Amino acid sequence: MAPRLTSAPRGGAGLEGMRERLAQIGGQLETRREGALFLTHLTAACTLGEGEQDQDQDVTDA
């Protein structure tokens, strides 16, 4: 059995845990219902690697 990492960030499970972890890096999680659908939208900063160009990206899973 692998040793448990005590330095790893702790947080709740599910959406609240995700919201807490995103907040730690300046991100956010938004949720809403549209009829029978439950939608989530998350935002997080992305650090560019060397030689990469800055560009906005919207990734949507339809």
N, C-alpha and C. Protein backbone atom coordinates (compact mmCIF):
# COMPACT_ATOMS: atom_id res chain seq x y z
N MET A 1 0.84 -1.18 0.00
CA MET A 1 0.00 0.00 0.00
C MET A 1 0.89 1.24 0.00
N ALA A 2 0.60 2.18 -0.90
CA ALA A 2 1.40 3.40 -1.01
C ALA A 2 1.14 4.32 0.17
N PRO A 3 2.18 5.04 0.63
CA PRO A 3 1.97 5.98 1.74
C PRO A 3 1.05 7.12 1.33
N ARG A 4 0.29 7.59 2.25
CA ARG A 4 -0.64 8.69 2.00
C ARG A 4 0.12 10.01 2.02
N LEU A 5 -0.11 10.84 1.01
CA LEU A 5 0.55 12.15 0.95
C LEU A 5 -0.16 13.13 1.87
N THR A 6 0.55 13.65 2.84
CA THR A 6 -0.07 14.60 3.77
C THR A 6 0.02 16.03 3.28
N SER A 7 0.89 16.29 2.26
CA SER A 7 1.03 17.65 1.76
C SER A 7 0.04 17.97 0.65
N ALA A 8 -0.70 16.98 0.18
CA ALA A 8 -1.67 17.22 -0.89
C ALA A 8 -2.82 18.08 -0.38
N PRO A 9 -3.34 18.97 -1.24
CA PRO A 9 -4.47 19.81 -0.81
C PRO A 9 -5.67 18.95 -0.44
N ARG A 10 -6.36 19.33 0.59
CA ARG A 10 -7.55 18.61 1.02
C ARG A 10 -8.77 19.40 0.61
N GLY A 11 -9.82 18.73 0.28
CA GLY A 11 -11.05 19.40 -0.10
C GLY A 11 -12.19 18.40 -0.10
N GLY A 12 -13.36 18.93 -0.27
CA GLY A 12 -14.53 18.08 -0.30
C GLY A 12 -14.63 17.35 -1.63
N ALA A 13 -15.60 16.50 -1.71
CA ALA A 13 -15.84 15.75 -2.93
C ALA A 13 -16.91 16.46 -3.76
N GLY A 14 -16.99 16.11 -4.98
CA GLY A 14 -18.05 16.62 -5.84
C GLY A 14 -17.86 18.07 -6.23
N LEU A 15 -18.97 18.73 -6.50
CA LEU A 15 -18.93 20.10 -7.01
C LEU A 15 -18.35 21.10 -6.02
N GLU A 16 -18.65 20.95 -4.74
CA GLU A 16 -18.09 21.88 -3.76
C GLU A 16 -16.58 21.72 -3.66
N GLY A 17 -16.10 20.50 -3.72
CA GLY A 17 -14.67 20.26 -3.70
C GLY A 17 -13.99 20.86 -4.93
N MET A 18 -14.62 20.70 -6.09
CA MET A 18 -14.09 21.28 -7.31
C MET A 18 -14.07 22.81 -7.21
N ARG A 19 -15.14 23.38 -6.67
CA ARG A 19 -15.22 24.83 -6.50
C ARG A 19 -14.10 25.33 -5.58
N GLU A 20 -13.85 24.61 -4.48
CA GLU A 20 -12.79 24.98 -3.54
C GLU A 20 -11.42 24.92 -4.19
N ARG A 21 -11.16 23.86 -4.96
CA ARG A 21 -9.85 23.71 -5.59
C ARG A 21 -9.65 24.77 -6.67
N LEU A 22 -10.67 25.08 -7.44
CA LEU A 22 -10.55 26.13 -8.45
C LEU A 22 -10.31 27.49 -7.80
N ALA A 23 -10.98 27.76 -6.69
CA ALA A 23 -10.80 29.04 -5.99
C ALA A 23 -9.36 29.21 -5.52
N GLN A 24 -8.69 28.12 -5.17
CA GLN A 24 -7.30 28.19 -4.73
C GLN A 24 -6.36 28.68 -5.82
N ILE A 25 -6.74 28.52 -7.09
CA ILE A 25 -5.90 28.97 -8.19
C ILE A 25 -6.53 30.15 -8.94
N GLY A 26 -7.52 30.78 -8.32
CA GLY A 26 -8.15 31.95 -8.92
C GLY A 26 -9.23 31.63 -9.93
N GLY A 27 -9.68 30.39 -9.96
CA GLY A 27 -10.72 29.98 -10.90
C GLY A 27 -12.09 30.01 -10.25
N GLN A 28 -13.08 29.61 -11.02
CA GLN A 28 -14.44 29.56 -10.48
C GLN A 28 -15.25 28.48 -11.17
N LEU A 29 -16.28 28.03 -10.50
CA LEU A 29 -17.21 27.02 -11.01
C LEU A 29 -18.61 27.60 -10.93
N GLU A 30 -19.31 27.56 -12.04
CA GLU A 30 -20.71 28.01 -12.08
C GLU A 30 -21.58 26.83 -12.48
N THR A 31 -22.72 26.71 -11.85
CA THR A 31 -23.66 25.63 -12.19
C THR A 31 -25.05 26.24 -12.39
N ARG A 32 -25.83 25.57 -13.25
CA ARG A 32 -27.22 26.01 -13.45
C ARG A 32 -28.02 24.89 -14.10
N ARG A 33 -29.32 25.00 -13.99
CA ARG A 33 -30.24 24.06 -14.63
C ARG A 33 -30.92 24.76 -15.78
N GLU A 34 -31.05 24.04 -16.87
CA GLU A 34 -31.85 24.49 -18.01
C GLU A 34 -32.77 23.34 -18.37
N GLY A 35 -34.00 23.43 -17.89
CA GLY A 35 -34.93 22.33 -18.10
C GLY A 35 -34.43 21.07 -17.41
N ALA A 36 -34.28 19.99 -18.18
CA ALA A 36 -33.81 18.73 -17.63
C ALA A 36 -32.28 18.66 -17.56
N LEU A 37 -31.59 19.68 -18.07
CA LEU A 37 -30.12 19.67 -18.10
C LEU A 37 -29.53 20.35 -16.87
N PHE A 38 -28.43 19.81 -16.39
CA PHE A 38 -27.64 20.44 -15.33
C PHE A 38 -26.31 20.81 -15.96
N LEU A 39 -25.99 22.10 -16.02
CA LEU A 39 -24.81 22.58 -16.72
C LEU A 39 -23.76 23.10 -15.76
N THR A 40 -22.51 22.85 -16.09
CA THR A 40 -21.40 23.40 -15.32
C THR A 40 -20.50 24.19 -16.26
N HIS A 41 -19.92 25.25 -15.73
CA HIS A 41 -18.96 26.07 -16.48
C HIS A 41 -17.83 26.38 -15.52
N LEU A 42 -16.62 25.96 -15.89
CA LEU A 42 -15.51 26.26 -15.01
C LEU A 42 -14.49 27.11 -15.74
N THR A 43 -13.84 27.97 -14.96
CA THR A 43 -12.83 28.88 -15.48
C THR A 43 -11.58 28.72 -14.63
N ALA A 44 -10.44 28.58 -15.30
CA ALA A 44 -9.17 28.48 -14.59
C ALA A 44 -8.08 29.09 -15.44
N ALA A 45 -7.10 29.70 -14.80
CA ALA A 45 -5.98 30.28 -15.52
C ALA A 45 -5.11 29.16 -16.08
N CYS A 46 -4.48 29.46 -17.19
CA CYS A 46 -3.59 28.50 -17.83
C CYS A 46 -2.24 29.17 -18.04
N THR A 47 -1.18 28.52 -17.59
CA THR A 47 0.16 29.04 -17.79
C THR A 47 0.67 28.55 -19.14
N LEU A 48 1.12 29.48 -19.96
CA LEU A 48 1.62 29.12 -21.28
C LEU A 48 3.04 28.58 -21.19
N GLY A 49 3.31 27.57 -21.99
CA GLY A 49 4.66 27.04 -22.09
C GLY A 49 5.50 27.90 -23.03
N GLU A 50 6.77 27.66 -23.02
CA GLU A 50 7.69 28.42 -23.87
C GLU A 50 7.32 28.24 -25.34
N GLY A 51 7.19 29.35 -26.06
CA GLY A 51 6.88 29.32 -27.48
C GLY A 51 5.40 29.26 -27.81
N GLU A 52 4.53 29.17 -26.80
CA GLU A 52 3.09 29.13 -27.05
C GLU A 52 2.53 30.54 -27.12
N GLN A 53 1.51 30.72 -27.95
CA GLN A 53 0.88 32.03 -28.09
C GLN A 53 -0.33 32.11 -27.19
N ASP A 54 -0.60 33.34 -26.69
CA ASP A 54 -1.78 33.59 -25.85
C ASP A 54 -3.02 33.64 -26.74
N GLN A 55 -4.02 32.83 -26.42
CA GLN A 55 -5.27 32.86 -27.15
C GLN A 55 -6.39 32.35 -26.25
N ASP A 56 -7.55 32.97 -26.37
CA ASP A 56 -8.70 32.52 -25.59
C ASP A 56 -9.22 31.22 -26.19
N GLN A 57 -9.61 30.31 -25.32
CA GLN A 57 -10.17 29.05 -25.77
C GLN A 57 -11.44 28.77 -25.01
N ASP A 58 -12.45 28.34 -25.71
CA ASP A 58 -13.70 27.92 -25.09
C ASP A 58 -13.92 26.46 -25.49
N VAL A 59 -13.85 25.59 -24.51
CA VAL A 59 -14.03 24.17 -24.78
C VAL A 59 -15.39 23.78 -24.28
N THR A 60 -16.24 23.38 -25.20
CA THR A 60 -17.61 23.02 -24.85
C THR A 60 -17.88 21.59 -25.26
N ASP A 61 -18.40 20.82 -24.34
CA ASP A 61 -18.79 19.45 -24.62
C ASP A 61 -20.29 19.42 -24.79
N ALA A 62 -20.75 19.27 -26.00
CA ALA A 62 -22.20 19.31 -26.27
C ALA A 62 -22.79 17.94 -26.22
